[in-house]
Amino acid sequence: MSDWIDAEAHVERAHDLYEAGRWAEAAAALREAIALNPYQPDWLFNLGVALEADGRYEEAATAFGESYQLRSGDFNAAMAAGVNLVRAGKVRPALAWFDKAEAAEPGEVYPAIARIEAHAQLGQHDEAELAFYMLQQRKPECAEAYAAIAASLLSRGLHDRAVWCLREAARLEPDLPGVQAKLAEAYWQTGRHERARQLFLIELREDPGDVGVLMNLGRLLVEMRRLDEAREKFGRVLELEPDHAEAHAELGFLHEKRGEPNRSVVHLDVARRLTPDNGQVTRRLARLLLASPKAEDRQRTIELLEAEVERLHRVAERDGQEELSTDGAALAELGELLIDAGAQTQAIRVLSRATRMRPHDARLWHWLGLAHFHASDRSSGIEATREAVRLDPRFVPAMHNIALALLREGQWSRARYWLKQGLSVEPEDTSLRRLDVQLKLHRLGWSVRWLASVWLLRRRPALKA
């Protein structure tokens, strides 16, 4: 009897904590109640609600699932378990819960809508369309179904069909949450920026505090070069959520566009501290610090870049990869920044790994060659750079670097060959033409010296017997 009373007290306390917005404490109180009486499906369901509010979606899905096991056929528990698995990124196992929810309430449309969205996230677009058409047979004018299939169409680049579906959703249910924002995204992707802007504003009139819409509108305004308006939208997000990492990052990028590096560094620094795994933010911050004349900024640049290299190694180990991330563009930029920062050894290490992972990427071989040149290893530099030219026979900067390295080694004939190759692709390239002039002056000097030596031989007195 005492355990039952104690459990009820924990449940009452959990209710008060939840109402006060103290969701983690509410979940802890409910766990204490469940430990005393583990056969209460309502308590398990409420635990799922508290965990969901606290953003612990996978734990919430487990709690909803346990509630369903105690009360088989509970539509709400099955749907909540599936939805939270999707939020946790566990989309495939969520499908089984949507099946359970549909079996519990065959007339409900929400399991089918959730299934459309889940298949779209998995890239199973044929299955998403099949689920959509099956739902249409039961409920032909379902606005949420049109909105759900539109996401699948947008991800496949079928923008016109997506726009039509979203218009249908808006026609059937003008107040459907998010429909105007989705339609705005579709117009944005088709290049109709002004129409997209208007629709985002309509959505914000309904919900001025929608952070997702504010962020998208800000990004759209950046594309439209309306930077002051974009800054205001990102600033509004930070008023609502001061620790919103993406808003800080976008403001950092925006200030960089406006030629305000100091303000950009402030926001990018905050964004990196909030999301240290965001490689793009780290690289942009490093590039800005690298341009600073302060010695401490250059040292911090190297520290940031080394930390990014270590992060990529950890990601590779976690994912079971033998090498670094397969993002060739990011690796090339990272190598370039390490070279500019004077960290040639680290640059060679990163770019060597990158070329092993992406052996057909001419850019990576080019940057690897440049790192070797800066490290005074001309032979390795020439070898790597020649591989870049083999992969891309019109890669003029690589030809320039080979010619320059050969000139510095005194291999004038070989240098001339690479200069001719480069000038055949870009006859007006200034750097190549400058090297060509240098080579011609050398040949002229050699000719003068040869003529002088011949003249001196002819003037030399004959030997006596």
Foldseek 3Di string as FASTA:
>chain_A
DVLQVQLVVLQVVLVVCVVVVNLVSSLVSLVSSCVSPVLDLVSLQVNLVSCVSVVVLQSSLVSLVSSCVSVPLPLVSLQSNLVSCVVVVNLVVSLVSLVSNCVSPVLDCVSLLSVLQSCLVVVNLVVSVVSLVVVCVNPVQDLSSLQSNLSSCVVVVVLVSSLVSLVSSCVSPVPDQPSLQSNLVSCVVVVVLVSSLVSLVVNCVVPVLPLVSLQVSLVSCVVVVVLVVSLVSLVSSCVVPVLPLVSLQVVLVSCVVVVNLVSSLVSLVSSCVSPVQPLVSLLVNLVSLLPDPDPVSLVVSLVSLVVNLVSQVVVCVVVVHPAGDQPLVSLLSSLVSCVSSVVLVVSLVSLVRNCVSVVLALSSLQSNLVSCVSVVNNVSSLVSLVSSCVSPVQPLVSLLSNLVSCVVVVVLVVSVVSLVSNCVNVVPPPSSVVVVVVSVVVVVVVVVVVVVVVVVVVVDDDDDD
